[in-house]
Protein backbone atom coordinates (compact mmCIF):
# COMPACT_ATOMS: atom_id res chain seq x y z
CA MET A 1 -12.76 -3.20 6.29
CA ILE A 2 -15.80 -2.29 8.36
CA ILE A 3 -18.48 0.27 7.26
CA GLY A 4 -21.12 0.81 9.87
CA LYS A 5 -22.27 -2.57 11.05
CA THR A 6 -20.95 -4.50 8.08
CA ASP A 7 -17.58 -6.27 8.19
CA PHE A 8 -16.27 -6.90 4.63
CA GLY A 9 -13.18 -8.75 5.79
CA ASN A 10 -9.73 -8.25 4.43
CA PHE A 11 -9.09 -7.12 0.75
CA PRO A 12 -12.72 -6.73 -0.27
CA VAL A 13 -13.48 -6.08 -3.96
CA LEU A 14 -16.43 -3.78 -4.77
CA LEU A 15 -18.54 -3.14 -7.84
CA ALA A 16 -18.49 0.59 -8.75
CA PRO A 17 -21.77 2.40 -9.33
CA LEU A 18 -22.14 2.86 -13.13
CA GLU A 19 -24.91 4.74 -14.80
CA ASP A 20 -27.02 2.50 -17.10
CA ILE A 21 -24.90 -0.53 -16.12
CA THR A 22 -25.22 -1.45 -12.49
CA ASP A 23 -28.95 -2.25 -12.45
CA SER A 24 -30.39 -4.98 -10.29
CA ALA A 25 -29.66 -7.75 -12.78
CA PHE A 26 -25.96 -6.95 -13.14
CA ARG A 27 -25.56 -6.30 -9.40
CA THR A 28 -26.98 -9.75 -8.76
CA VAL A 29 -24.63 -11.41 -11.26
CA CYS A 30 -21.62 -9.65 -9.77
CA ARG A 31 -22.64 -10.57 -6.17
CA ASN A 32 -22.97 -14.18 -7.32
CA HIS A 33 -19.38 -14.02 -8.62
CA GLY A 34 -17.78 -12.58 -5.57
CA ALA A 35 -18.41 -8.75 -5.38
CA ASP A 36 -18.38 -7.86 -1.70
CA LEU A 37 -20.42 -4.70 -2.04
CA VAL A 38 -22.47 -3.32 -4.88
CA TYR A 39 -24.08 0.08 -5.50
CA THR A 40 -27.10 1.36 -7.28
CA GLU A 41 -26.70 3.54 -10.37
CA PHE A 42 -26.47 7.11 -9.20
CA VAL A 43 -29.77 8.80 -8.36
CA SER A 44 -30.47 12.49 -8.86
CA SER A 45 -31.50 14.23 -5.59
CA GLU A 46 -33.57 16.80 -7.45
CA ALA A 47 -35.46 14.05 -9.31
CA LEU A 48 -36.05 12.18 -6.07
CA VAL A 49 -37.49 15.12 -4.22
CA ARG A 50 -39.78 15.65 -7.27
CA SER A 51 -40.92 11.99 -6.89
CA ALA A 52 -39.67 11.09 -10.32
CA LEU A 53 -40.55 7.42 -10.79
CA LYS A 54 -37.36 6.47 -12.72
CA SER A 55 -35.19 7.80 -9.97
CA SER A 56 -37.16 6.10 -7.32
CA ASN A 57 -36.98 2.82 -9.15
CA LYS A 58 -33.21 3.04 -9.28
CA MET A 59 -33.14 2.74 -5.42
CA GLN A 60 -35.01 -0.64 -5.44
CA PHE A 61 -33.04 -3.78 -4.86
CA GLU A 62 -33.44 -7.42 -3.91
CA GLU A 63 -32.37 -8.79 -0.58
CA THR A 64 -29.90 -11.13 -2.44
CA GLU A 65 -28.01 -8.07 -3.55
CA ARG A 66 -26.92 -7.11 -0.12
CA PRO A 67 -24.66 -5.56 1.06
CA ILE A 68 -25.61 -2.53 -1.14
CA GLY A 69 -25.18 1.16 -1.15
CA ILE A 70 -27.52 3.70 -2.68
CA GLN A 71 -25.60 6.46 -4.44
CA ILE A 72 -27.05 9.94 -4.78
CA PHE A 73 -25.87 13.11 -6.51
CA GLY A 74 -26.74 16.84 -6.68
CA ASN A 75 -25.45 20.31 -5.70
CA ASN A 76 -28.18 21.55 -3.39
CA PRO A 77 -27.67 20.75 0.35
CA GLU A 78 -31.35 20.66 1.17
CA ALA A 79 -32.26 18.42 -1.81
CA MET A 80 -29.36 16.09 -1.00
CA LYS A 81 -30.48 15.84 2.62
CA ASN A 82 -34.01 15.02 1.52
CA ALA A 83 -32.84 12.56 -1.07
CA ALA A 84 -30.66 10.80 1.55
CA LEU A 85 -33.72 10.46 3.83
CA LEU A 86 -35.70 8.90 1.00
CA ALA A 87 -32.86 6.61 0.21
CA GLU A 88 -32.58 5.53 3.83
CA GLN A 89 -36.19 4.36 3.73
CA ASN A 90 -35.08 1.57 1.44
CA ASN A 91 -32.65 0.42 4.16
CA PRO A 92 -29.42 -0.06 2.26
CA GLU A 93 -26.17 -0.79 4.16
CA LEU A 94 -24.92 2.69 3.31
CA ILE A 95 -25.58 5.96 1.43
CA ASP A 96 -22.90 7.11 -0.99
CA ILE A 97 -22.50 10.65 -2.33
CA ASN A 98 -21.25 10.98 -5.84
CA PHE A 99 -18.67 13.82 -6.05
CA GLY A 100 -16.83 12.13 -8.96
CA CYS A 101 -19.04 11.79 -12.07
CA PRO A 102 -17.21 13.63 -14.87
CA VAL A 103 -19.86 13.45 -17.61
CA ARG A 104 -20.95 16.80 -19.01
CA LYS A 105 -24.69 16.44 -18.21
CA VAL A 106 -23.81 16.09 -14.57
CA ALA A 107 -20.69 18.20 -14.07
CA MET A 108 -21.92 21.17 -16.08
CA LYS A 109 -24.94 21.34 -13.80
CA GLY A 110 -22.69 21.77 -10.81
CA ALA A 111 -22.99 18.15 -9.51
CA GLY A 112 -20.65 15.15 -9.45
CA ALA A 113 -17.09 16.09 -10.10
CA ALA A 114 -18.00 19.80 -10.39
CA LEU A 115 -18.01 19.98 -6.59
CA LEU A 116 -14.24 19.63 -6.70
CA ASN A 117 -14.37 23.29 -7.78
CA ASP A 118 -16.35 24.26 -4.71
CA ILE A 119 -14.97 22.47 -1.72
CA PRO A 120 -16.99 24.44 0.85
CA LEU A 121 -20.23 23.42 -0.94
CA MET A 122 -19.05 19.81 -1.16
CA VAL A 123 -18.39 19.85 2.64
CA SER A 124 -21.73 21.55 3.33
CA ILE A 125 -23.67 18.92 1.31
CA THR A 126 -21.78 16.13 3.05
CA ARG A 127 -22.48 17.60 6.48
CA GLU A 128 -26.21 17.90 5.73
CA VAL A 129 -26.40 14.29 4.56
CA VAL A 130 -24.45 12.92 7.48
CA ASN A 131 -26.48 14.73 10.07
CA ALA A 132 -29.80 13.76 8.42
CA VAL A 133 -29.49 10.04 8.27
CA LYS A 134 -28.64 7.21 10.67
CA LEU A 135 -26.98 4.98 8.04
CA PRO A 136 -23.26 5.28 7.30
CA VAL A 137 -22.47 7.97 4.71
CA THR A 138 -19.65 7.45 2.28
CA VAL A 139 -18.24 9.49 -0.64
CA LYS A 140 -16.83 8.71 -4.08
CA THR A 141 -14.73 11.39 -5.79
CA ARG A 142 -11.67 12.08 -7.93
CA LEU A 143 -8.17 13.56 -7.44
CA GLY A 144 -9.33 17.06 -8.38
CA TRP A 145 -10.80 18.98 -11.28
CA ASP A 146 -7.68 19.09 -13.42
CA GLU A 147 -3.89 18.57 -13.25
CA ASN A 148 -3.48 21.91 -11.55
CA SER A 149 -5.98 21.33 -8.77
CA LYS A 150 -5.41 17.91 -7.32
CA VAL A 151 -7.01 18.71 -3.94
CA ILE A 152 -7.90 15.20 -2.75
CA VAL A 153 -5.60 15.11 0.30
CA ASP A 154 -7.26 18.25 1.77
CA VAL A 155 -10.68 17.09 0.56
CA ALA A 156 -10.30 13.72 2.21
CA GLU A 157 -9.52 15.25 5.60
CA ARG A 158 -12.38 17.71 5.45
CA LEU A 159 -14.93 15.04 4.43
CA GLN A 160 -13.75 12.81 7.24
CA ASP A 161 -14.12 15.67 9.72
CA VAL A 162 -17.83 16.08 8.89
CA GLY A 163 -18.45 12.40 9.45
CA ILE A 164 -18.17 10.22 6.34
CA GLN A 165 -17.23 6.66 7.20
CA THR A 166 -15.46 5.68 4.03
CA LEU A 167 -13.94 7.47 1.01
CA THR A 168 -13.51 6.06 -2.46
CA ILE A 169 -11.02 7.73 -4.77
CA HIS A 170 -10.93 7.41 -8.55
CA GLY A 171 -7.30 8.02 -9.55
CA ARG A 172 -8.03 10.59 -12.32
CA THR A 173 -9.11 14.18 -12.49
CA ARG A 174 -12.40 15.40 -14.03
CA ALA A 175 -10.42 16.80 -16.98
CA GLN A 176 -9.15 13.31 -17.72
CA MET A 177 -12.58 11.80 -17.87
CA TYR A 178 -11.59 8.10 -18.45
CA SER A 179 -8.50 8.68 -20.55
CA GLY A 180 -4.85 8.14 -19.65
CA GLU A 181 -3.73 6.06 -16.72
CA ALA A 182 -5.15 6.35 -13.27
CA ASP A 183 -2.69 7.82 -10.76
CA TRP A 184 -2.71 5.86 -7.56
CA THR A 185 0.10 7.82 -5.89
CA LEU A 186 -2.31 10.29 -4.39
CA ILE A 187 -4.72 7.59 -3.33
CA GLY A 188 -1.78 6.16 -1.41
CA LYS A 189 -0.97 9.52 0.01
CA VAL A 190 -4.51 9.83 1.39
CA LYS A 191 -4.41 6.37 2.82
CA ASN A 192 -1.09 6.88 4.55
CA ASN A 193 -1.97 10.34 5.86
CA PRO A 194 -1.71 10.11 9.64
CA ARG A 195 -4.80 12.22 10.00
CA MET A 196 -6.99 9.72 8.12
CA ASN A 197 -8.65 6.97 10.16
CA ILE A 198 -11.48 5.89 7.81
CA PRO A 199 -11.21 3.20 5.17
CA ILE A 200 -9.88 4.33 1.77
CA ILE A 201 -11.08 2.52 -1.36
CA GLY A 202 -8.96 2.77 -4.56
CA ASN A 203 -10.59 2.83 -8.02
CA GLY A 204 -9.21 3.13 -11.53
CA ASP A 205 -7.73 0.79 -14.13
CA ILE A 206 -8.03 -2.45 -12.08
CA ASP A 207 -8.59 -5.00 -14.81
CA SER A 208 -6.89 -8.09 -13.51
CA ALA A 209 -6.16 -10.05 -10.30
CA SER A 210 -2.47 -9.22 -10.47
CA LYS A 211 -3.21 -5.42 -10.84
CA ALA A 212 -5.48 -5.57 -7.85
CA ALA A 213 -2.98 -7.37 -5.77
CA GLU A 214 -0.30 -4.86 -6.73
CA MET A 215 -2.49 -1.89 -5.70
CA PHE A 216 -3.34 -3.42 -2.33
CA ASP A 217 0.31 -4.10 -1.69
CA LYS A 218 1.75 -0.89 -2.97
CA TYR A 219 -0.68 1.60 -1.64
CA GLY A 220 -2.24 -0.16 1.37
CA VAL A 221 -5.84 0.66 0.40
CA ASP A 222 -8.62 -1.00 2.38
CA ALA A 223 -10.56 -2.12 -0.65
CA ILE A 224 -10.56 -2.11 -4.42
CA MET A 225 -13.40 -0.93 -6.53
CA ILE A 226 -13.91 -2.33 -10.06
CA GLY A 227 -15.90 -0.36 -12.62
CA ARG A 228 -15.67 -0.74 -16.42
CA ALA A 229 -13.52 -3.93 -16.21
CA ALA A 230 -16.52 -5.79 -14.65
CA ILE A 231 -18.85 -5.13 -17.65
CA GLY A 232 -19.45 -8.55 -19.23
CA ASN A 233 -16.81 -9.84 -16.91
CA PRO A 234 -18.28 -10.59 -13.46
CA TRP A 235 -15.68 -13.29 -12.86
CA ILE A 236 -13.08 -10.65 -12.11
CA PHE A 237 -14.23 -10.43 -8.51
CA ASP A 238 -13.69 -14.08 -7.73
CA GLN A 239 -10.45 -14.04 -9.73
CA ILE A 240 -9.02 -11.24 -7.64
CA LYS A 241 -10.07 -12.77 -4.34
CA LYS A 242 -8.79 -16.20 -5.16
CA PHE A 243 -5.43 -14.74 -6.24
CA ILE A 244 -5.03 -12.51 -3.21
CA HIS A 245 -6.35 -15.00 -0.57
CA ASP A 246 -5.14 -18.30 -2.04
CA GLY A 247 -2.59 -17.52 -4.68
CA ILE A 248 -4.71 -19.18 -7.38
CA ILE A 249 -4.62 -17.82 -10.88
CA CYS A 250 -8.02 -18.43 -12.37
CA PRO A 251 -8.13 -18.86 -16.16
CA THR A 252 -10.57 -16.94 -18.34
CA PRO A 253 -13.86 -18.90 -18.40
CA GLU A 254 -14.41 -21.17 -21.36
CA LEU A 255 -17.16 -20.41 -23.87
CA PRO A 256 -19.89 -22.62 -22.30
CA GLU A 257 -19.57 -20.83 -18.99
CA ARG A 258 -19.61 -17.43 -20.61
CA ILE A 259 -22.75 -18.30 -22.44
CA ALA A 260 -24.40 -19.72 -19.31
CA VAL A 261 -23.71 -16.59 -17.29
CA ALA A 262 -24.71 -14.24 -20.13
CA MET A 263 -27.96 -16.11 -20.50
CA ALA A 264 -28.54 -16.06 -16.66
CA HIS A 265 -27.87 -12.28 -16.76
CA LEU A 266 -30.32 -11.80 -19.65
CA LYS A 267 -33.07 -13.79 -17.88
CA LEU A 268 -32.65 -11.59 -14.80
CA ALA A 269 -32.84 -8.40 -16.91
CA ILE A 270 -36.01 -9.63 -18.58
CA SER A 271 -37.59 -10.69 -15.26
CA LYS A 272 -37.08 -7.23 -13.84
CA LYS A 273 -37.66 -4.97 -16.92
CA GLY A 274 -39.71 -7.11 -19.30
CA GLU A 275 -38.54 -8.79 -22.50
CA HIS A 276 -38.19 -5.78 -24.76
CA LYS A 277 -36.36 -3.49 -22.39
CA GLY A 278 -34.36 -6.31 -20.83
CA ILE A 279 -33.05 -7.40 -24.24
CA ILE A 280 -32.10 -3.90 -25.33
CA GLU A 281 -30.30 -3.03 -22.05
CA MET A 282 -28.36 -6.25 -22.10
CA ARG A 283 -26.80 -5.43 -25.46
CA LYS A 284 -24.10 -3.29 -23.82
CA HIS A 285 -22.77 -6.35 -21.95
CA TYR A 286 -22.22 -8.90 -24.76
CA ALA A 287 -18.90 -7.43 -25.99
CA GLY A 288 -17.46 -8.08 -22.53
CA TYR A 289 -18.81 -11.52 -22.13
CA PHE A 290 -17.31 -12.71 -25.41
CA LYS A 291 -14.28 -10.48 -25.68
CA GLY A 292 -11.46 -11.96 -27.72
CA LEU A 293 -13.46 -14.82 -29.15
CA PRO A 294 -12.93 -15.36 -32.90
CA GLY A 295 -16.13 -15.14 -34.86
CA PHE A 296 -18.06 -13.18 -32.22
CA LYS A 297 -18.25 -9.98 -34.14
CA LYS A 298 -20.69 -11.50 -36.68
CA ILE A 299 -22.69 -13.13 -33.83
CA ARG A 300 -22.92 -9.95 -31.93
CA LEU A 301 -24.37 -8.05 -34.92
CA GLU A 302 -27.03 -10.75 -35.12
CA ILE A 303 -27.85 -10.45 -31.45
CA LEU A 304 -28.26 -6.66 -31.71
CA THR A 305 -31.12 -7.11 -34.10
CA ARG A 306 -33.08 -9.71 -32.17
CA GLN A 307 -36.19 -8.75 -30.15
CA SER A 308 -37.00 -11.94 -28.24
CA PHE A 309 -35.29 -14.11 -25.64
CA SER A 310 -35.63 -17.27 -27.76
CA GLU A 311 -33.96 -15.65 -30.69
CA VAL A 312 -30.94 -14.49 -28.59
CA GLU A 313 -30.75 -17.87 -26.91
CA ASP A 314 -30.69 -19.70 -30.20
CA ILE A 315 -27.88 -17.51 -31.45
CA LEU A 316 -25.76 -17.89 -28.36
CA LEU A 317 -26.26 -21.57 -28.07
CA GLY A 318 -25.42 -21.95 -31.76
CA PHE A 319 -22.11 -20.17 -31.07
CA GLN A 320 -20.78 -23.04 -28.91
């Protein structure tokens, strides 16, 4: 798969942009464990053009995180164009437009997945962004708004026609949010549409190497995107790639490795956000790092009350 000047090779595995999850520390951990491309948390176009510091900070990244995409969202073509120009100044590998976020605070304001109810506006926004920047522009979206409006085949053609270079499709409608099973049949239909000539990335319910291999084989997508299954589980990228490329089934990491990576992740978070904020924001990752381990529930409750790195370190090292 090639996007712009970047060749990701065959069967790349990508980290999905996740609000309040894919910060610089987590992106770094996932890149270190095989993610071929990472994205920032989504950035509000309206906030960017108002010079909101929090939104501007979301666009910052380290060189070690490359290749990286900056994702923006909004429903105003002019604001989206200006946001894309601001994002371009950070020199990512690509700019991604979020037309898929289903959460109420985004969709009810006419952004994210809400644009699936206004395809002409979606196309207009995309055209403005594509024409404004020199970097590759990509889009992430869903099958449609609900079961009765799965418009992705038409949407894919129209977005390609205005110049996007890659399309990522989450196999659910907005109405589904994250419930039920992702439907990959329409993702496959888009990929196998003779009119489509850009890479198609599939997203939704990929939580194992065997599942990823099945989706590559069955639907012919150019890449797989991993979202929630990567939280506290950065090994999934290497596991998928080793299974697909070498036929190697990698076991779940043993406890010492889990602790070591969790501690490295925590140190990164603290180095970038300070001890207090880093410790608090790391809390959402522990359940994934130690999923399925007997006795961790009690340990997790202890960790959630600690306010210093040394305290958390003592608890985790004592868990071995």
